[in-house]
PDB file of all heavy atoms in Angstrom:
ATOM      1  N   ARG A   1     103.526  91.983 112.621  1.00  0.00           N
ATOM      2  CA  ARG A   1     103.765  90.588 112.993  1.00  0.00           C
ATOM      3  C   ARG A   1     103.336  90.384 114.432  1.00  0.00           C
ATOM      4  O   ARG A   1     103.732  91.152 115.315  1.00  0.00           O
ATOM      5  CB  ARG A   1     105.230  90.230 112.803  1.00  0.00           C
ATOM      6  CG  ARG A   1     105.559  90.122 111.324  1.00  0.00           C
ATOM      7  CD  ARG A   1     106.939  89.681 111.109  1.00  0.00           C
ATOM      8  NE  ARG A   1     107.789  90.842 111.381  1.00  0.00           N
ATOM      9  CZ  ARG A   1     109.082  90.866 111.178  1.00  0.00           C
ATOM     10  NH1 ARG A   1     109.706  89.815 110.768  1.00  0.00           N
ATOM     11  NH2 ARG A   1     109.768  91.952 111.413  1.00  0.00           N
ATOM     12  N   PHE A   2     102.544  89.382 114.643  1.00  0.00           N
ATOM     13  CA  PHE A   2     101.974  89.081 115.940  1.00  0.00           C
ATOM     14  C   PHE A   2     102.509  87.735 116.390  1.00  0.00           C
ATOM     15  O   PHE A   2     102.377  86.738 115.679  1.00  0.00           O
ATOM     16  CB  PHE A   2     100.443  89.074 115.790  1.00  0.00           C
ATOM     17  CG  PHE A   2      99.695  88.805 117.044  1.00  0.00           C
ATOM     18  CD1 PHE A   2      99.885  89.574 118.174  1.00  0.00           C
ATOM     19  CD2 PHE A   2      98.759  87.794 117.088  1.00  0.00           C
ATOM     20  CE1 PHE A   2      99.166  89.331 119.321  1.00  0.00           C
ATOM     21  CE2 PHE A   2      98.034  87.544 118.236  1.00  0.00           C
ATOM     22  CZ  PHE A   2      98.235  88.313 119.349  1.00  0.00           C
ATOM     23  N   ARG A   3     103.159  87.701 117.540  1.00  0.00           N
ATOM     24  CA  ARG A   3     103.695  86.482 118.147  1.00  0.00           C
ATOM     25  C   ARG A   3     103.202  86.437 119.586  1.00  0.00           C
ATOM     26  O   ARG A   3     102.841  87.471 120.145  1.00  0.00           O
ATOM     27  CB  ARG A   3     105.227  86.492 118.138  1.00  0.00           C
ATOM     28  CG  ARG A   3     105.866  86.697 116.777  1.00  0.00           C
ATOM     29  CD  ARG A   3     105.690  85.467 115.899  1.00  0.00           C
ATOM     30  NE  ARG A   3     106.385  85.581 114.634  1.00  0.00           N
ATOM     31  CZ  ARG A   3     105.826  85.947 113.491  1.00  0.00           C
ATOM     32  NH1 ARG A   3     104.553  86.281 113.455  1.00  0.00           N
ATOM     33  NH2 ARG A   3     106.510  85.990 112.375  1.00  0.00           N
ATOM     34  N   PRO A   4     103.220  85.297 120.219  1.00  0.00           N
ATOM     35  CA  PRO A   4     102.781  85.248 121.617  1.00  0.00           C
ATOM     36  C   PRO A   4     103.565  86.240 122.485  1.00  0.00           C
ATOM     37  O   PRO A   4     104.788  86.185 122.556  1.00  0.00           O
ATOM     38  CB  PRO A   4     103.076  83.806 122.037  1.00  0.00           C
ATOM     39  CG  PRO A   4     103.020  83.030 120.752  1.00  0.00           C
ATOM     40  CD  PRO A   4     103.585  83.969 119.712  1.00  0.00           C
ATOM     41  N   GLY A   5     102.857  87.188 123.053  1.00  0.00           N
ATOM     42  CA  GLY A   5     103.462  88.175 123.936  1.00  0.00           C
ATOM     43  C   GLY A   5     104.244  89.289 123.268  1.00  0.00           C
ATOM     44  O   GLY A   5     104.799  90.150 123.936  1.00  0.00           O
ATOM     45  N   ARG A   6     104.289  89.294 121.919  1.00  0.00           N
ATOM     46  CA  ARG A   6     105.063  90.315 121.208  1.00  0.00           C
ATOM     47  C   ARG A   6     104.345  90.768 119.950  1.00  0.00           C
ATOM     48  O   ARG A   6     103.599  90.018 119.350  1.00  0.00           O
ATOM     49  CB  ARG A   6     106.433  89.780 120.808  1.00  0.00           C
ATOM     50  CG  ARG A   6     107.290  89.366 121.940  1.00  0.00           C
ATOM     51  CD  ARG A   6     108.675  88.922 121.527  1.00  0.00           C
ATOM     52  NE  ARG A   6     108.651  88.046 120.376  1.00  0.00           N
ATOM     53  CZ  ARG A   6     109.601  88.008 119.450  1.00  0.00           C
ATOM     54  NH1 ARG A   6     110.637  88.799 119.533  1.00  0.00           N
ATOM     55  NH2 ARG A   6     109.542  87.180 118.441  1.00  0.00           N
ATOM     56  N   LEU A   7     104.640  91.991 119.563  1.00  0.00           N
ATOM     57  CA  LEU A   7     104.089  92.556 118.348  1.00  0.00           C
ATOM     58  C   LEU A   7     105.213  93.281 117.627  1.00  0.00           C
ATOM     59  O   LEU A   7     105.915  94.096 118.230  1.00  0.00           O
ATOM     60  CB  LEU A   7     102.971  93.543 118.677  1.00  0.00           C
ATOM     61  CG  LEU A   7     102.409  94.291 117.482  1.00  0.00           C
ATOM     62  CD1 LEU A   7     101.383  93.409 116.793  1.00  0.00           C
ATOM     63  CD2 LEU A   7     101.775  95.580 117.911  1.00  0.00           C
ATOM     64  N   GLY A   8     105.406  92.974 116.352  1.00  0.00           N
ATOM     65  CA  GLY A   8     106.430  93.633 115.555  1.00  0.00           C
ATOM     66  C   GLY A   8     105.802  94.508 114.489  1.00  0.00           C
ATOM     67  O   GLY A   8     104.820  94.120 113.860  1.00  0.00           O
ATOM     68  N   ILE A   9     106.356  95.694 114.299  1.00  0.00           N
ATOM     69  CA  ILE A   9     105.881  96.612 113.266  1.00  0.00           C
ATOM     70  C   ILE A   9     107.093  97.085 112.471  1.00  0.00           C
ATOM     71  O   ILE A   9     108.059  97.586 113.047  1.00  0.00           O
ATOM     72  CB  ILE A   9     105.146  97.824 113.856  1.00  0.00           C
ATOM     73  CG1 ILE A   9     103.975  97.369 114.719  1.00  0.00           C
ATOM     74  CG2 ILE A   9     104.676  98.763 112.751  1.00  0.00           C
ATOM     75  CD1 ILE A   9     103.275  98.485 115.457  1.00  0.00           C
ATOM     76  N   SER A  10     107.038  96.907 111.147  1.00  0.00           N
ATOM     77  CA  SER A  10     108.097  97.363 110.253  1.00  0.00           C
ATOM     78  C   SER A  10     107.519  98.388 109.293  1.00  0.00           C
ATOM     79  O   SER A  10     106.512  98.129 108.644  1.00  0.00           O
ATOM     80  CB  SER A  10     108.651  96.202 109.426  1.00  0.00           C
ATOM     81  OG  SER A  10     109.163  95.205 110.260  1.00  0.00           O
ATOM     82  N   VAL A  11     108.154  99.550 109.230  1.00  0.00           N
ATOM     83  CA  VAL A  11     107.734 100.610 108.311  1.00  0.00           C
ATOM     84  C   VAL A  11     108.778 100.687 107.206  1.00  0.00           C
ATOM     85  O   VAL A  11     109.960 100.863 107.486  1.00  0.00           O
ATOM     86  CB  VAL A  11     107.599 101.962 109.044  1.00  0.00           C
ATOM     87  CG1 VAL A  11     107.189 103.051 108.076  1.00  0.00           C
ATOM     88  CG2 VAL A  11     106.603 101.859 110.188  1.00  0.00           C
ATOM     89  N   PRO A  12     108.361 100.530 105.946  1.00  0.00           N
ATOM     90  CA  PRO A  12     109.337 100.559 104.857  1.00  0.00           C
ATOM     91  C   PRO A  12     109.938 101.952 104.647  1.00  0.00           C
ATOM     92  O   PRO A  12     109.424 102.946 105.141  1.00  0.00           O
ATOM     93  CB  PRO A  12     108.529 100.125 103.641  1.00  0.00           C
ATOM     94  CG  PRO A  12     107.123 100.434 103.973  1.00  0.00           C
ATOM     95  CD  PRO A  12     107.001 100.335 105.464  1.00  0.00           C
ATOM     96  N   SER A  13     110.996 101.978 103.897  1.00  0.00           N
ATOM     97  CA  SER A  13     111.671 103.224 103.559  1.00  0.00           C
ATOM     98  C   SER A  13     110.692 104.168 102.861  1.00  0.00           C
ATOM     99  O   SER A  13     109.916 103.748 102.001  1.00  0.00           O
ATOM    100  CB  SER A  13     112.851 102.910 102.651  1.00  0.00           C
ATOM    101  OG  SER A  13     113.583 104.066 102.388  1.00  0.00           O
ATOM    102  N   SER A  14     110.693 105.447 103.260  1.00  0.00           N
ATOM    103  CA  SER A  14     109.738 106.410 102.725  1.00  0.00           C
ATOM    104  C   SER A  14     110.177 107.820 103.090  1.00  0.00           C
ATOM    105  O   SER A  14     110.938 108.014 104.035  1.00  0.00           O
ATOM    106  CB  SER A  14     108.354 106.124 103.323  1.00  0.00           C
ATOM    107  OG  SER A  14     107.465 107.155 103.036  1.00  0.00           O
ATOM    108  N   THR A  15     109.664 108.800 102.350  1.00  0.00           N
ATOM    109  CA  THR A  15     109.906 110.200 102.705  1.00  0.00           C
ATOM    110  C   THR A  15     108.795 110.729 103.609  1.00  0.00           C
ATOM    111  O   THR A  15     108.838 111.882 104.019  1.00  0.00           O
ATOM    112  CB  THR A  15     109.988 111.067 101.439  1.00  0.00           C
ATOM    113  OG1 THR A  15     108.765 110.952 100.714  1.00  0.00           O
ATOM    114  CG2 THR A  15     111.160 110.654 100.575  1.00  0.00           C
ATOM    115  N   LEU A  16     107.822 109.884 103.902  1.00  0.00           N
ATOM    116  CA  LEU A  16     106.715 110.279 104.775  1.00  0.00           C
ATOM    117  C   LEU A  16     107.163 110.285 106.235  1.00  0.00           C
ATOM    118  O   LEU A  16     108.168 109.680 106.595  1.00  0.00           O
ATOM    119  CB  LEU A  16     105.541 109.322 104.596  1.00  0.00           C
ATOM    120  CG  LEU A  16     104.945 109.262 103.189  1.00  0.00           C
ATOM    121  CD1 LEU A  16     103.951 108.125 103.090  1.00  0.00           C
ATOM    122  CD2 LEU A  16     104.298 110.582 102.834  1.00  0.00           C
ATOM    123  N   GLY A  17     106.395 110.936 107.070  1.00  0.00           N
ATOM    124  CA  GLY A  17     106.721 111.011 108.495  1.00  0.00           C
ATOM    125  C   GLY A  17     106.549 109.675 109.197  1.00  0.00           C
ATOM    126  O   GLY A  17     106.158 108.676 108.589  1.00  0.00           O
ATOM    127  N   PRO A  18     106.828 109.641 110.498  1.00  0.00           N
ATOM    128  CA  PRO A  18     106.719 108.405 111.258  1.00  0.00           C
ATOM    129  C   PRO A  18     105.265 107.950 111.384  1.00  0.00           C
ATOM    130  O   PRO A  18     104.335 108.738 111.225  1.00  0.00           O
ATOM    131  CB  PRO A  18     107.304 108.759 112.619  1.00  0.00           C
ATOM    132  CG  PRO A  18     107.201 110.232 112.712  1.00  0.00           C
ATOM    133  CD  PRO A  18     107.262 110.767 111.321  1.00  0.00           C
ATOM    134  N   VAL A  19     105.094 106.668 111.675  1.00  0.00           N
ATOM    135  CA  VAL A  19     103.772 106.083 111.864  1.00  0.00           C
ATOM    136  C   VAL A  19     103.490 106.034 113.363  1.00  0.00           C
ATOM    137  O   VAL A  19     104.221 105.376 114.113  1.00  0.00           O
ATOM    138  CB  VAL A  19     103.707 104.654 111.263  1.00  0.00           C
ATOM    139  CG1 VAL A  19     102.387 103.989 111.592  1.00  0.00           C
ATOM    140  CG2 VAL A  19     103.940 104.709 109.767  1.00  0.00           C
ATOM    141  N   PRO A  20     102.448 106.736 113.827  1.00  0.00           N
ATOM    142  CA  PRO A  20     102.109 106.671 115.250  1.00  0.00           C
ATOM    143  C   PRO A  20     101.356 105.383 115.556  1.00  0.00           C
ATOM    144  O   PRO A  20     100.581 104.903 114.736  1.00  0.00           O
ATOM    145  CB  PRO A  20     101.214 107.895 115.456  1.00  0.00           C
ATOM    146  CG  PRO A  20     100.620 108.166 114.113  1.00  0.00           C
ATOM    147  CD  PRO A  20     101.609 107.675 113.098  1.00  0.00           C
ATOM    148  N   ARG A  21     101.598 104.805 116.725  1.00  0.00           N
ATOM    149  CA  ARG A  21     100.870 103.621 117.128  1.00  0.00           C
ATOM    150  C   ARG A  21     100.490 103.751 118.595  1.00  0.00           C
ATOM    151  O   ARG A  21     101.158 104.428 119.372  1.00  0.00           O
ATOM    152  CB  ARG A  21     101.636 102.353 116.831  1.00  0.00           C
ATOM    153  CG  ARG A  21     102.903 102.186 117.627  1.00  0.00           C
ATOM    154  CD  ARG A  21     102.643 101.290 118.814  1.00  0.00           C
ATOM    155  NE  ARG A  21     103.821 101.248 119.655  1.00  0.00           N
ATOM    156  CZ  ARG A  21     103.820 101.604 120.918  1.00  0.00           C
ATOM    157  NH1 ARG A  21     102.758 102.089 121.487  1.00  0.00           N
ATOM    158  NH2 ARG A  21     104.909 101.498 121.639  1.00  0.00           N
ATOM    159  N   VAL A  22      99.388 103.097 118.955  1.00  0.00           N
ATOM    160  CA  VAL A  22      98.885 103.129 120.319  1.00  0.00           C
ATOM    161  C   VAL A  22      98.618 101.688 120.748  1.00  0.00           C
ATOM    162  O   VAL A  22      97.834 100.984 120.118  1.00  0.00           O
ATOM    163  CB  VAL A  22      97.584 103.955 120.432  1.00  0.00           C
ATOM    164  CG1 VAL A  22      97.096 103.993 121.868  1.00  0.00           C
ATOM    165  CG2 VAL A  22      97.776 105.362 119.876  1.00  0.00           C
ATOM    166  N   LEU A  23      99.296 101.250 121.812  1.00  0.00           N
ATOM    167  CA  LEU A  23      99.103  99.910 122.361  1.00  0.00           C
ATOM    168  C   LEU A  23      98.250  99.999 123.624  1.00  0.00           C
ATOM    169  O   LEU A  23      98.011 101.094 124.143  1.00  0.00           O
ATOM    170  CB  LEU A  23     100.453  99.269 122.680  1.00  0.00           C
ATOM    171  CG  LEU A  23     101.285  98.818 121.493  1.00  0.00           C
ATOM    172  CD1 LEU A  23     102.632  98.293 121.967  1.00  0.00           C
ATOM    173  CD2 LEU A  23     100.583  97.756 120.689  1.00  0.00           C
ATOM    174  N   PRO A  24      97.792  98.864 124.139  1.00  0.00           N
ATOM    175  CA  PRO A  24      96.989  98.886 125.363  1.00  0.00           C
ATOM    176  C   PRO A  24      97.667  99.688 126.468  1.00  0.00           C
ATOM    177  O   PRO A  24      98.890  99.728 126.560  1.00  0.00           O
ATOM    178  CB  PRO A  24      96.885  97.409 125.743  1.00  0.00           C
ATOM    179  CG  PRO A  24      97.046  96.677 124.457  1.00  0.00           C
ATOM    180  CD  PRO A  24      98.008  97.509 123.645  1.00  0.00           C
ATOM    181  N   GLY A  25      96.862 100.321 127.298  1.00  0.00           N
ATOM    182  CA  GLY A  25      97.395 101.165 128.356  1.00  0.00           C
ATOM    183  C   GLY A  25      97.803 102.535 127.846  1.00  0.00           C
ATOM    184  O   GLY A  25      98.522 103.257 128.505  1.00  0.00           O
ATOM    185  N   ASP A  26      97.332 102.877 126.643  1.00  0.00           N
ATOM    186  CA  ASP A  26      97.615 104.171 126.010  1.00  0.00           C
ATOM    187  C   ASP A  26      99.115 104.400 125.821  1.00  0.00           C
ATOM    188  O   ASP A  26      99.599 105.524 125.897  1.00  0.00           O
ATOM    189  CB  ASP A  26      96.988 105.305 126.825  1.00  0.00           C
ATOM    190  CG  ASP A  26      96.726 106.534 125.969  1.00  0.00           C
ATOM    191  OD1 ASP A  26      96.448 106.365 124.761  1.00  0.00           O
ATOM    192  OD2 ASP A  26      96.808 107.652 126.499  1.00  0.00           O
ATOM    193  N   ARG A  27      99.855 103.309 125.576  1.00  0.00           N
ATOM    194  CA  ARG A  27     101.289 103.420 125.276  1.00  0.00           C
ATOM    195  C   ARG A  27     101.420 103.922 123.850  1.00  0.00           C
ATOM    196  O   ARG A  27     101.001 103.265 122.906  1.00  0.00           O
ATOM    197  CB  ARG A  27     101.985 102.069 125.430  1.00  0.00           C
ATOM    198  CG  ARG A  27     101.931 101.553 126.835  1.00  0.00           C
ATOM    199  CD  ARG A  27     102.688 100.266 127.019  1.00  0.00           C
ATOM    200  NE  ARG A  27     102.611  99.376 125.880  1.00  0.00           N
ATOM    201  CZ  ARG A  27     103.009  98.121 125.878  1.00  0.00           C
ATOM    202  NH1 ARG A  27     103.512  97.587 126.952  1.00  0.00           N
ATOM    203  NH2 ARG A  27     102.905  97.375 124.797  1.00  0.00           N
ATOM    204  N   ARG A  28     102.018 105.090 123.692  1.00  0.00           N
ATOM    205  CA  ARG A  28     102.135 105.737 122.377  1.00  0.00           C
ATOM    206  C   ARG A  28     103.592 105.847 121.964  1.00  0.00           C
ATOM    207  O   ARG A  28     104.455 106.117 122.786  1.00  0.00           O
ATOM    208  CB  ARG A  28     101.512 107.130 122.420  1.00  0.00           C
ATOM    209  CG  ARG A  28     100.040 107.092 122.687  1.00  0.00           C
ATOM    210  CD  ARG A  28      99.469 108.488 122.907  1.00  0.00           C
ATOM    211  NE  ARG A  28      98.051 108.375 123.191  1.00  0.00           N
ATOM    212  CZ  ARG A  28      97.106 108.447 122.280  1.00  0.00           C
ATOM    213  NH1 ARG A  28      97.419 108.662 121.019  1.00  0.00           N
ATOM    214  NH2 ARG A  28      95.845 108.319 122.612  1.00  0.00           N
ATOM    215  N   GLU A  29     103.806 105.645 120.687  1.00  0.00           N
ATOM    216  CA  GLU A  29     105.151 105.746 120.141  1.00  0.00           C
ATOM    217  C   GLU A  29     105.042 105.997 118.650  1.00  0.00           C
ATOM    218  O   GLU A  29     104.018 105.731 118.045  1.00  0.00           O
ATOM    219  CB  GLU A  29     105.897 104.438 120.397  1.00  0.00           C
ATOM    220  CG  GLU A  29     107.372 104.649 120.580  1.00  0.00           C
ATOM    221  CD  GLU A  29     108.039 103.411 121.099  1.00  0.00           C
ATOM    222  OE1 GLU A  29     107.690 102.942 122.187  1.00  0.00           O
ATOM    223  OE2 GLU A  29     108.905 102.915 120.373  1.00  0.00           O
ATOM    224  N   ARG A  30     106.119 106.482 118.059  1.00  0.00           N
ATOM    225  CA  ARG A  30     106.172 106.695 116.616  1.00  0.00           C
ATOM    226  C   ARG A  30     107.263 105.801 116.045  1.00  0.00           C
ATOM    227  O   ARG A  30     108.328 105.685 116.627  1.00  0.00           O
ATOM    228  CB  ARG A  30     106.451 108.154 116.294  1.00  0.00           C
ATOM    229  CG  ARG A  30     105.337 109.067 116.739  1.00  0.00           C
ATOM    230  CD  ARG A  30     105.637 110.503 116.355  1.00  0.00           C
ATOM    231  NE  ARG A  30     104.532 111.353 116.658  1.00  0.00           N
ATOM    232  CZ  ARG A  30     103.456 111.530 115.897  1.00  0.00           C
ATOM    233  NH1 ARG A  30     103.354 110.900 114.763  1.00  0.00           N
ATOM    234  NH2 ARG A  30     102.489 112.333 116.247  1.00  0.00           N
ATOM    235  N   ILE A  31     106.959 105.207 114.904  1.00  0.00           N
ATOM    236  CA  ILE A  31     107.910 104.321 114.247  1.00  0.00           C
ATOM    237  C   ILE A  31     108.311 104.983 112.937  1.00  0.00           C
ATOM    238  O   ILE A  31     107.477 105.204 112.059  1.00  0.00           O
ATOM    239  CB  ILE A  31     107.297 102.937 114.011  1.00  0.00           C
ATOM    240  CG1 ILE A  31     106.809 102.375 115.346  1.00  0.00           C
ATOM    241  CG2 ILE A  31     108.307 102.006 113.356  1.00  0.00           C
ATOM    242  CD1 ILE A  31     105.895 101.206 115.216  1.00  0.00           C
ATOM    243  N   ALA A  32     109.578 105.319 112.822  1.00  0.00           N
ATOM    244  CA  ALA A  32     110.086 106.029 111.647  1.00  0.00           C
ATOM    245  C   ALA A  32     110.189 105.093 110.450  1.00  0.00           C
ATOM    246  O   ALA A  32     110.246 103.874 110.594  1.00  0.00           O
ATOM    247  CB  ALA A  32     111.450 106.629 111.957  1.00  0.00           C
ATOM    248  N   ALA A  33     110.211 105.688 109.268  1.00  0.00           N
ATOM    249  CA  ALA A  33     110.420 104.921 108.041  1.00  0.00           C
ATOM    250  C   ALA A  33     111.746 104.179 108.138  1.00  0.00           C
ATOM    251  O   ALA A  33     112.694 104.660 108.770  1.00  0.00           O
ATOM    252  CB  ALA A  33     110.415 105.855 106.835  1.00  0.00           C
ATOM    253  N   SER A  34     111.804 102.998 107.558  1.00  0.00           N
ATOM    254  CA  SER A  34     112.980 102.114 107.567  1.00  0.00           C
ATOM    255  C   SER A  34     113.285 101.562 108.954  1.00  0.00           C
ATOM    256  O   SER A  34     114.399 101.141 109.223  1.00  0.00           O
ATOM    257  CB  SER A  34     114.228 102.822 107.036  1.00  0.00           C
ATOM    258  OG  SER A  34     114.012 103.274 105.723  1.00  0.00           O
ATOM    259  N   GLN A  35     112.301 101.567 109.840  1.00  0.00           N
ATOM    260  CA  GLN A  35     112.516 101.091 111.196  1.00  0.00           C
ATOM    261  C   GLN A  35     111.619  99.897 111.486  1.00  0.00           C
ATOM    262  O   GLN A  35     110.483  99.824 111.014  1.00  0.00           O
ATOM    263  CB  GLN A  35     112.224 102.208 112.199  1.00  0.00           C
ATOM    264  CG  GLN A  35     112.594 101.880 113.621  1.00  0.00           C
ATOM    265  CD  GLN A  35     112.336 103.049 114.553  1.00  0.00           C
ATOM    266  OE1 GLN A  35     111.399 103.817 114.360  1.00  0.00           O
ATOM    267  NE2 GLN A  35     113.162 103.188 115.563  1.00  0.00           N
ATOM    268  N   GLU A  36     112.127  98.966 112.281  1.00  0.00           N
ATOM    269  CA  GLU A  36     111.338  97.838 112.776  1.00  0.00           C
ATOM    270  C   GLU A  36     111.400  97.876 114.293  1.00  0.00           C
ATOM    271  O   GLU A  36     112.468  98.059 114.870  1.00  0.00           O
ATOM    272  CB  GLU A  36     111.902  96.510 112.282  1.00  0.00           C
ATOM    273  CG  GLU A  36     111.140  95.322 112.830  1.00  0.00           C
ATOM    274  CD  GLU A  36     111.683  93.998 112.352  1.00  0.00           C
ATOM    275  OE1 GLU A  36     112.918  93.869 112.237  1.00  0.00           O
ATOM    276  OE2 GLU A  36     110.880  93.105 112.100  1.00  0.00           O
ATOM    277  N   ARG A  37     110.251  97.751 114.930  1.00  0.00           N
ATOM    278  CA  ARG A  37     110.173  97.778 116.393  1.00  0.00           C
ATOM    279  C   ARG A  37     109.366  96.586 116.878  1.00  0.00           C
ATOM    280  O   ARG A  37     108.385  96.206 116.255  1.00  0.00           O
ATOM    281  CB  ARG A  37     109.488  99.059 116.868  1.00  0.00           C
ATOM    282  CG  ARG A  37     110.178 100.346 116.480  1.00  0.00           C
ATOM    283  CD  ARG A  37     111.485 100.594 117.205  1.00  0.00           C
ATOM    284  NE  ARG A  37     111.379 100.467 118.636  1.00  0.00           N
ATOM    285  CZ  ARG A  37     110.990 101.429 119.463  1.00  0.00           C
ATOM    286  NH1 ARG A  37     110.673 102.613 119.002  1.00  0.00           N
ATOM    287  NH2 ARG A  37     110.929 101.221 120.766  1.00  0.00           N
ATOM    288  N   TRP A  38     109.780  96.025 118.001  1.00  0.00           N
ATOM    289  CA  TRP A  38     109.046  94.941 118.657  1.00  0.00           C
ATOM    290  C   TRP A  38     108.602  95.429 120.021  1.00  0.00           C
ATOM    291  O   TRP A  38     109.348  96.139 120.707  1.00  0.00           O
ATOM    292  CB  TRP A  38     109.919  93.700 118.794  1.00  0.00           C
ATOM    293  CG  TRP A  38     110.039  92.957 117.506  1.00  0.00           C
ATOM    294  CD1 TRP A  38     110.968  93.150 116.521  1.00  0.00           C
ATOM    295  CD2 TRP A  38     109.174  91.929 117.044  1.00  0.00           C
ATOM    296  NE1 TRP A  38     110.730  92.300 115.472  1.00  0.00           N
ATOM    297  CE2 TRP A  38     109.641  91.527 115.772  1.00  0.00           C
ATOM    298  CE3 TRP A  38     108.056  91.294 117.574  1.00  0.00           C
ATOM    299  CZ2 TRP A  38     109.021  90.531 115.031  1.00  0.00           C
ATOM    300  CZ3 TRP A  38     107.445  90.294 116.833  1.00  0.00           C
ATOM    301  CH2 TRP A  38     107.926  89.923 115.586  1.00  0.00           C
TER     302      TRP A  38
END
């Protein structure tokens, strides 16, 4: 989900590992299954 100045990522429930993401400035994070992050 893309909103002015914000980005939301929701990963559905799963037995798979976390989803890695990279934002501008090489900001790296992992988003676990069943998690939503803004």
